[in-house]
Amino acid sequence: MPKKVVKSEEEWKRLLTPEQYAVCRQKGTERAFTGAYLNKHEPGVYRCAGCGQELFVSDTKFDSGCGWPSIYAPADTNHVAAQSDTSHGMVRTEVLCSRCGGHLGHVFDDGPNPTGLRYCINSASLKFEQKDGTKKDAPAK
């Protein structure tokens, strides 16, 4: 298991943008169809915006039409954690970074083969690293 990253709320506020903090630390969500990585198709790795842990690879990303980046499998199942989320009058499965506990989004069982899963992930919770190793943060809006 990855070594845990623990920071105070003040440290998280200094490290993350206000939008990243709202999503990752306060379990917020970005509006549908507004995320910087929704239509990203370059090969690479999606890392946690909070701690840099590798979460997803571009090969597993697909267009679900839901308004958020959709991925059918994590890069490593030990790098994501799941817990029940009953907020907003719904029952869903929340997805978190296993290393820093940052909120990533939710996972649903309506995805494509081979997993049948759809990880519906906020762009604000991610940082993209191109396959050549170049880090490409989400462009400013």
N, C-alpha and C. Protein backbone atom coordinates (compact mmCIF):
# COMPACT_ATOMS: atom_id res chain seq x y z
N MET A 1 0.84 -1.19 0.00
CA MET A 1 0.00 0.00 0.00
C MET A 1 0.89 1.25 0.00
N PRO A 2 0.42 2.29 -0.69
CA PRO A 2 1.19 3.52 -0.72
C PRO A 2 1.28 4.17 0.65
N LYS A 3 2.41 4.84 0.90
CA LYS A 3 2.59 5.57 2.16
C LYS A 3 1.61 6.75 2.18
N LYS A 4 0.90 6.91 3.28
CA LYS A 4 -0.11 7.96 3.42
C LYS A 4 0.52 9.35 3.45
N VAL A 5 -0.17 10.28 2.82
CA VAL A 5 0.21 11.69 2.84
C VAL A 5 -0.80 12.39 3.75
N VAL A 6 -0.31 13.02 4.80
CA VAL A 6 -1.18 13.71 5.75
C VAL A 6 -0.73 15.16 5.83
N LYS A 7 -1.66 16.08 5.63
CA LYS A 7 -1.38 17.51 5.71
C LYS A 7 -2.52 18.18 6.48
N SER A 8 -2.22 19.33 7.05
CA SER A 8 -3.27 20.12 7.70
C SER A 8 -4.11 20.79 6.62
N GLU A 9 -5.29 21.25 6.98
CA GLU A 9 -6.15 21.94 6.02
C GLU A 9 -5.45 23.19 5.47
N GLU A 10 -4.70 23.87 6.29
CA GLU A 10 -3.95 25.05 5.82
C GLU A 10 -2.90 24.65 4.78
N GLU A 11 -2.23 23.53 4.99
CA GLU A 11 -1.25 23.06 4.01
C GLU A 11 -1.94 22.71 2.69
N TRP A 12 -3.09 22.04 2.76
CA TRP A 12 -3.83 21.71 1.54
C TRP A 12 -4.26 22.98 0.82
N LYS A 13 -4.71 23.98 1.54
CA LYS A 13 -5.14 25.25 0.93
C LYS A 13 -3.99 25.94 0.22
N ARG A 14 -2.79 25.84 0.77
CA ARG A 14 -1.61 26.45 0.12
C ARG A 14 -1.18 25.65 -1.11
N LEU A 15 -1.33 24.34 -1.06
CA LEU A 15 -0.88 23.45 -2.14
C LEU A 15 -1.82 23.45 -3.34
N LEU A 16 -3.12 23.49 -3.10
CA LEU A 16 -4.13 23.34 -4.14
C LEU A 16 -4.74 24.67 -4.54
N THR A 17 -5.23 24.75 -5.77
CA THR A 17 -6.00 25.92 -6.18
C THR A 17 -7.32 25.90 -5.42
N PRO A 18 -8.05 27.01 -5.38
CA PRO A 18 -9.35 26.99 -4.70
C PRO A 18 -10.30 25.92 -5.26
N GLU A 19 -10.32 25.74 -6.59
CA GLU A 19 -11.19 24.71 -7.17
C GLU A 19 -10.72 23.31 -6.77
N GLN A 20 -9.43 23.06 -6.82
CA GLN A 20 -8.90 21.76 -6.42
C GLN A 20 -9.21 21.48 -4.96
N TYR A 21 -9.07 22.48 -4.11
CA TYR A 21 -9.36 22.31 -2.68
C TYR A 21 -10.83 21.96 -2.48
N ALA A 22 -11.72 22.69 -3.17
CA ALA A 22 -13.16 22.45 -3.03
C ALA A 22 -13.52 21.02 -3.45
N VAL A 23 -12.91 20.55 -4.53
CA VAL A 23 -13.21 19.20 -5.01
C VAL A 23 -12.51 18.15 -4.16
N CYS A 24 -11.20 18.26 -4.03
CA CYS A 24 -10.41 17.20 -3.39
C CYS A 24 -10.59 17.11 -1.88
N ARG A 25 -10.69 18.22 -1.22
CA ARG A 25 -10.72 18.20 0.25
C ARG A 25 -12.13 18.39 0.82
N GLN A 26 -13.03 19.03 0.04
CA GLN A 26 -14.38 19.28 0.53
C GLN A 26 -15.43 18.46 -0.21
N LYS A 27 -14.97 17.51 -1.03
CA LYS A 27 -15.85 16.58 -1.74
C LYS A 27 -16.83 17.29 -2.68
N GLY A 28 -16.34 18.35 -3.31
CA GLY A 28 -17.16 19.07 -4.27
C GLY A 28 -17.10 18.41 -5.63
N THR A 29 -17.71 19.06 -6.61
CA THR A 29 -17.66 18.57 -7.98
C THR A 29 -17.63 19.76 -8.92
N GLU A 30 -16.97 19.60 -10.04
CA GLU A 30 -17.00 20.64 -11.04
C GLU A 30 -18.26 20.46 -11.87
N ARG A 31 -18.73 21.54 -12.48
CA ARG A 31 -19.93 21.44 -13.32
C ARG A 31 -19.68 20.52 -14.50
N ALA A 32 -20.69 19.80 -14.90
CA ALA A 32 -20.59 18.90 -16.05
C ALA A 32 -20.13 19.65 -17.30
N PHE A 33 -19.31 19.00 -18.09
CA PHE A 33 -18.80 19.48 -19.37
C PHE A 33 -17.89 20.70 -19.25
N THR A 34 -17.32 20.96 -18.05
CA THR A 34 -16.41 22.10 -17.88
C THR A 34 -14.98 21.69 -17.55
N GLY A 35 -14.73 20.45 -17.23
CA GLY A 35 -13.41 20.01 -16.79
C GLY A 35 -12.36 20.05 -17.89
N ALA A 36 -11.15 20.43 -17.54
CA ALA A 36 -10.06 20.57 -18.49
C ALA A 36 -9.68 19.26 -19.18
N TYR A 37 -9.94 18.13 -18.54
CA TYR A 37 -9.51 16.85 -19.12
C TYR A 37 -10.64 16.06 -19.77
N LEU A 38 -11.83 16.63 -19.84
CA LEU A 38 -12.97 15.92 -20.43
C LEU A 38 -12.66 15.43 -21.84
N ASN A 39 -12.11 16.29 -22.68
CA ASN A 39 -11.85 15.93 -24.07
C ASN A 39 -10.37 15.72 -24.36
N LYS A 40 -9.58 15.41 -23.36
CA LYS A 40 -8.15 15.16 -23.55
C LYS A 40 -7.97 13.74 -24.08
N HIS A 41 -7.19 13.62 -25.14
CA HIS A 41 -7.01 12.31 -25.78
C HIS A 41 -5.54 11.92 -25.94
N GLU A 42 -4.61 12.75 -25.50
CA GLU A 42 -3.19 12.42 -25.63
C GLU A 42 -2.83 11.26 -24.71
N PRO A 43 -1.83 10.47 -25.10
CA PRO A 43 -1.39 9.37 -24.23
C PRO A 43 -0.65 9.90 -23.01
N GLY A 44 -0.93 9.31 -21.86
CA GLY A 44 -0.25 9.73 -20.64
C GLY A 44 -0.89 9.14 -19.40
N VAL A 45 -0.55 9.76 -18.28
CA VAL A 45 -0.95 9.30 -16.96
C VAL A 45 -1.67 10.43 -16.24
N TYR A 46 -2.75 10.09 -15.55
CA TYR A 46 -3.46 11.04 -14.70
C TYR A 46 -3.05 10.77 -13.27
N ARG A 47 -2.51 11.81 -12.62
CA ARG A 47 -2.03 11.71 -11.24
C ARG A 47 -2.94 12.51 -10.32
N CYS A 48 -2.87 12.19 -9.04
CA CYS A 48 -3.63 12.92 -8.02
C CYS A 48 -3.10 14.35 -7.94
N ALA A 49 -4.00 15.33 -7.98
CA ALA A 49 -3.60 16.73 -7.87
C ALA A 49 -3.02 17.04 -6.50
N GLY A 50 -3.38 16.26 -5.49
CA GLY A 50 -2.90 16.52 -4.14
C GLY A 50 -1.56 15.93 -3.82
N CYS A 51 -1.31 14.69 -4.25
CA CYS A 51 -0.07 14.02 -3.83
C CYS A 51 0.75 13.45 -4.98
N GLY A 52 0.24 13.50 -6.20
CA GLY A 52 1.00 13.03 -7.35
C GLY A 52 0.95 11.54 -7.61
N GLN A 53 0.21 10.79 -6.82
CA GLN A 53 0.13 9.34 -7.05
C GLN A 53 -0.54 9.05 -8.40
N GLU A 54 0.01 8.08 -9.13
CA GLU A 54 -0.58 7.67 -10.40
C GLU A 54 -1.92 7.01 -10.14
N LEU A 55 -2.97 7.53 -10.80
CA LEU A 55 -4.32 7.02 -10.59
C LEU A 55 -4.88 6.30 -11.81
N PHE A 56 -4.75 6.90 -12.99
CA PHE A 56 -5.35 6.36 -14.20
C PHE A 56 -4.41 6.57 -15.38
N VAL A 57 -4.54 5.73 -16.40
CA VAL A 57 -3.77 5.90 -17.63
C VAL A 57 -4.75 6.20 -18.76
N SER A 58 -4.28 6.96 -19.73
CA SER A 58 -5.15 7.42 -20.81
C SER A 58 -5.74 6.28 -21.63
N ASP A 59 -5.08 5.14 -21.69
CA ASP A 59 -5.58 4.00 -22.46
C ASP A 59 -6.94 3.49 -21.97
N THR A 60 -7.29 3.80 -20.73
CA THR A 60 -8.55 3.32 -20.16
C THR A 60 -9.63 4.39 -20.12
N LYS A 61 -9.34 5.56 -20.68
CA LYS A 61 -10.29 6.67 -20.72
C LYS A 61 -11.23 6.47 -21.91
N PHE A 62 -12.50 6.81 -21.74
CA PHE A 62 -13.48 6.68 -22.81
C PHE A 62 -14.51 7.80 -22.71
N ASP A 63 -15.24 8.04 -23.76
CA ASP A 63 -16.27 9.08 -23.79
C ASP A 63 -17.60 8.46 -23.41
N SER A 64 -18.05 8.77 -22.21
CA SER A 64 -19.33 8.22 -21.73
C SER A 64 -20.49 9.18 -21.98
N GLY A 65 -20.17 10.45 -22.27
CA GLY A 65 -21.22 11.44 -22.46
C GLY A 65 -21.77 12.00 -21.17
N CYS A 66 -21.17 11.65 -20.03
CA CYS A 66 -21.72 12.07 -18.73
C CYS A 66 -21.29 13.49 -18.33
N GLY A 67 -20.26 14.05 -18.99
CA GLY A 67 -19.83 15.40 -18.66
C GLY A 67 -18.57 15.48 -17.84
N TRP A 68 -18.03 14.35 -17.43
CA TRP A 68 -16.78 14.29 -16.68
C TRP A 68 -15.87 13.26 -17.33
N PRO A 69 -14.56 13.38 -17.14
CA PRO A 69 -13.68 12.33 -17.66
C PRO A 69 -14.12 10.97 -17.11
N SER A 70 -14.20 9.99 -18.01
CA SER A 70 -14.64 8.65 -17.63
C SER A 70 -13.53 7.66 -17.95
N ILE A 71 -13.27 6.78 -17.00
CA ILE A 71 -12.18 5.81 -17.10
C ILE A 71 -12.72 4.47 -16.63
N TYR A 72 -12.36 3.38 -17.28
CA TYR A 72 -12.93 2.10 -16.88
C TYR A 72 -12.09 1.30 -15.89
N ALA A 73 -10.87 1.76 -15.57
CA ALA A 73 -10.04 1.03 -14.60
C ALA A 73 -8.96 1.95 -14.04
N PRO A 74 -8.62 1.81 -12.77
CA PRO A 74 -7.49 2.56 -12.23
C PRO A 74 -6.17 1.97 -12.73
N ALA A 75 -5.12 2.76 -12.67
CA ALA A 75 -3.79 2.28 -13.04
C ALA A 75 -3.36 1.14 -12.13
N ASP A 76 -3.72 1.25 -10.87
CA ASP A 76 -3.41 0.23 -9.86
C ASP A 76 -4.56 0.27 -8.85
N THR A 77 -5.19 -0.85 -8.61
CA THR A 77 -6.35 -0.87 -7.70
C THR A 77 -5.98 -0.43 -6.28
N ASN A 78 -4.72 -0.53 -5.91
CA ASN A 78 -4.29 -0.06 -4.59
C ASN A 78 -4.16 1.45 -4.52
N HIS A 79 -4.26 2.14 -5.65
CA HIS A 79 -4.09 3.59 -5.66
C HIS A 79 -5.40 4.35 -5.52
N VAL A 80 -6.51 3.64 -5.57
CA VAL A 80 -7.81 4.27 -5.34
C VAL A 80 -8.54 3.52 -4.23
N ALA A 81 -9.33 4.27 -3.51
CA ALA A 81 -10.16 3.68 -2.45
C ALA A 81 -11.60 4.04 -2.76
N ALA A 82 -12.52 3.27 -2.22
CA ALA A 82 -13.94 3.52 -2.45
C ALA A 82 -14.68 3.48 -1.12
N GLN A 83 -15.71 4.32 -1.03
CA GLN A 83 -16.56 4.31 0.16
C GLN A 83 -17.96 4.75 -0.23
N SER A 84 -18.92 4.36 0.56
CA SER A 84 -20.31 4.70 0.29
C SER A 84 -20.53 6.20 0.47
N ASP A 85 -21.31 6.78 -0.42
CA ASP A 85 -21.65 8.20 -0.38
C ASP A 85 -23.16 8.31 -0.49
N THR A 86 -23.80 8.79 0.56
CA THR A 86 -25.26 8.93 0.57
C THR A 86 -25.68 10.40 0.54
N SER A 87 -24.78 11.28 0.11
CA SER A 87 -25.11 12.71 0.05
C SER A 87 -26.06 12.99 -1.12
N HIS A 88 -26.70 14.13 -1.06
CA HIS A 88 -27.58 14.61 -2.13
C HIS A 88 -28.74 13.66 -2.44
N GLY A 89 -29.18 12.87 -1.46
CA GLY A 89 -30.32 11.99 -1.63
C GLY A 89 -30.07 10.81 -2.55
N MET A 90 -28.80 10.48 -2.78
CA MET A 90 -28.44 9.36 -3.66
C MET A 90 -27.55 8.39 -2.91
N VAL A 91 -27.46 7.18 -3.41
CA VAL A 91 -26.50 6.20 -2.91
C VAL A 91 -25.52 5.94 -4.03
N ARG A 92 -24.27 6.34 -3.80
CA ARG A 92 -23.23 6.19 -4.81
C ARG A 92 -21.97 5.65 -4.15
N THR A 93 -20.98 5.32 -4.97
CA THR A 93 -19.69 4.90 -4.46
C THR A 93 -18.67 5.98 -4.78
N GLU A 94 -18.17 6.61 -3.74
CA GLU A 94 -17.17 7.67 -3.88
C GLU A 94 -15.80 7.05 -4.12
N VAL A 95 -15.01 7.70 -4.97
CA VAL A 95 -13.64 7.27 -5.25
C VAL A 95 -12.68 8.29 -4.66
N LEU A 96 -11.68 7.78 -3.94
CA LEU A 96 -10.69 8.62 -3.27
C LEU A 96 -9.28 8.17 -3.63
N CYS A 97 -8.34 9.09 -3.56
CA CYS A 97 -6.94 8.71 -3.68
C CYS A 97 -6.56 7.95 -2.41
N SER A 98 -5.98 6.77 -2.57
CA SER A 98 -5.65 5.96 -1.39
C SER A 98 -4.48 6.52 -0.61
N ARG A 99 -3.73 7.40 -1.19
CA ARG A 99 -2.54 7.94 -0.53
C ARG A 99 -2.86 9.18 0.31
N CYS A 100 -3.66 10.12 -0.24
CA CYS A 100 -3.92 11.36 0.50
C CYS A 100 -5.38 11.54 0.88
N GLY A 101 -6.25 10.64 0.42
CA GLY A 101 -7.67 10.72 0.77
C GLY A 101 -8.44 11.75 -0.03
N GLY A 102 -7.84 12.31 -1.06
CA GLY A 102 -8.52 13.32 -1.87
C GLY A 102 -9.70 12.74 -2.63
N HIS A 103 -10.80 13.48 -2.63
CA HIS A 103 -11.99 13.08 -3.38
C HIS A 103 -11.70 13.20 -4.87
N LEU A 104 -12.00 12.15 -5.62
CA LEU A 104 -11.77 12.13 -7.06
C LEU A 104 -13.08 12.22 -7.84
N GLY A 105 -14.09 11.54 -7.37
CA GLY A 105 -15.37 11.46 -8.07
C GLY A 105 -16.14 10.26 -7.58
N HIS A 106 -16.81 9.57 -8.51
CA HIS A 106 -17.61 8.40 -8.16
C HIS A 106 -17.40 7.31 -9.20
N VAL A 107 -17.71 6.08 -8.82
CA VAL A 107 -17.62 4.95 -9.76
C VAL A 107 -19.00 4.31 -9.88
N PHE A 108 -19.35 3.95 -11.12
CA PHE A 108 -20.65 3.35 -11.43
C PHE A 108 -20.43 2.05 -12.19
N ASP A 109 -21.43 1.20 -12.19
CA ASP A 109 -21.30 -0.11 -12.85
C ASP A 109 -21.92 -0.14 -14.24
N ASP A 110 -21.85 0.97 -14.95
CA ASP A 110 -22.40 1.05 -16.30
C ASP A 110 -21.34 1.35 -17.35
N GLY A 111 -20.10 0.95 -17.09
CA GLY A 111 -19.01 1.21 -18.00
C GLY A 111 -18.81 0.11 -19.02
N PRO A 112 -17.83 0.28 -19.89
CA PRO A 112 -17.57 -0.71 -20.94
C PRO A 112 -16.75 -1.90 -20.44
N ASN A 113 -16.64 -2.90 -21.28
CA ASN A 113 -15.73 -4.02 -21.00
C ASN A 113 -14.30 -3.49 -21.04
N PRO A 114 -13.37 -4.03 -20.36
CA PRO A 114 -13.45 -5.32 -19.69
C PRO A 114 -13.93 -5.26 -18.24
N THR A 115 -14.08 -4.06 -17.64
CA THR A 115 -14.43 -4.00 -16.22
C THR A 115 -15.91 -3.77 -15.96
N GLY A 116 -16.61 -3.13 -16.90
CA GLY A 116 -17.99 -2.76 -16.68
C GLY A 116 -18.14 -1.57 -15.75
N LEU A 117 -17.01 -0.92 -15.42
CA LEU A 117 -17.03 0.21 -14.49
C LEU A 117 -16.84 1.53 -15.24
N ARG A 118 -17.40 2.59 -14.65
CA ARG A 118 -17.20 3.95 -15.15
C ARG A 118 -16.77 4.82 -13.99
N TYR A 119 -15.48 5.10 -13.92
CA TYR A 119 -14.96 6.03 -12.94
C TYR A 119 -15.21 7.42 -13.49
N CYS A 120 -16.11 8.16 -12.86
CA CYS A 120 -16.51 9.49 -13.27
C CYS A 120 -15.70 10.46 -12.40
N ILE A 121 -14.65 11.06 -12.98
CA ILE A 121 -13.62 11.74 -12.21
C ILE A 121 -13.58 13.24 -12.52
N ASN A 122 -13.44 14.06 -11.51
CA ASN A 122 -13.30 15.50 -11.68
C ASN A 122 -11.91 15.84 -12.22
N SER A 123 -11.86 16.66 -13.26
CA SER A 123 -10.56 17.11 -13.79
C SER A 123 -9.76 17.83 -12.71
N ALA A 124 -10.44 18.57 -11.84
CA ALA A 124 -9.76 19.35 -10.80
C ALA A 124 -8.98 18.46 -9.83
N SER A 125 -9.33 17.19 -9.75
CA SER A 125 -8.63 16.29 -8.83
C SER A 125 -7.41 15.63 -9.48
N LEU A 126 -7.16 15.97 -10.74
CA LEU A 126 -6.10 15.29 -11.50
C LEU A 126 -5.04 16.26 -12.00
N LYS A 127 -3.87 15.71 -12.29
CA LYS A 127 -2.82 16.37 -13.05
C LYS A 127 -2.41 15.38 -14.12
N PHE A 128 -2.24 15.86 -15.33
CA PHE A 128 -1.90 15.00 -16.46
C PHE A 128 -0.41 15.04 -16.74
N GLU A 129 0.16 13.87 -16.98
CA GLU A 129 1.56 13.75 -17.37
C GLU A 129 1.60 13.03 -18.71
N GLN A 130 2.09 13.73 -19.74
CA GLN A 130 2.18 13.12 -21.07
C GLN A 130 3.08 11.90 -21.02
N LYS A 131 2.86 10.99 -21.97
CA LYS A 131 3.62 9.75 -22.02
C LYS A 131 5.12 9.97 -22.05
N ASP A 132 5.57 11.10 -22.62
CA ASP A 132 7.00 11.39 -22.68
C ASP A 132 7.55 11.90 -21.34
N GLY A 133 6.69 12.01 -20.32
CA GLY A 133 7.13 12.46 -19.00
C GLY A 133 6.92 13.93 -18.75
N THR A 134 6.39 14.67 -19.72
CA THR A 134 6.14 16.09 -19.56
C THR A 134 4.87 16.29 -18.76
N LYS A 135 4.94 17.05 -17.68
CA LYS A 135 3.74 17.33 -16.88
C LYS A 135 2.95 18.43 -17.54
N LYS A 136 1.66 18.19 -17.70
CA LYS A 136 0.76 19.15 -18.31
C LYS A 136 -0.42 19.36 -17.37
N ASP A 137 -0.33 20.39 -16.54
CA ASP A 137 -1.44 20.67 -15.64
C ASP A 137 -2.62 21.17 -16.44
N ALA A 138 -3.77 21.11 -15.85
CA ALA A 138 -4.98 21.59 -16.50
C ALA A 138 -4.81 23.07 -16.83
N PRO A 139 -5.20 23.49 -18.03
CA PRO A 139 -5.09 24.91 -18.39
C PRO A 139 -6.03 25.74 -17.54
N ALA A 140 -5.60 26.97 -17.28
CA ALA A 140 -6.44 27.89 -16.50
C ALA A 140 -7.69 28.23 -17.30
N LYS A 141 -8.78 28.41 -16.59
CA LYS A 141 -10.04 28.75 -17.27
C LYS A 141 -10.26 30.23 -17.19
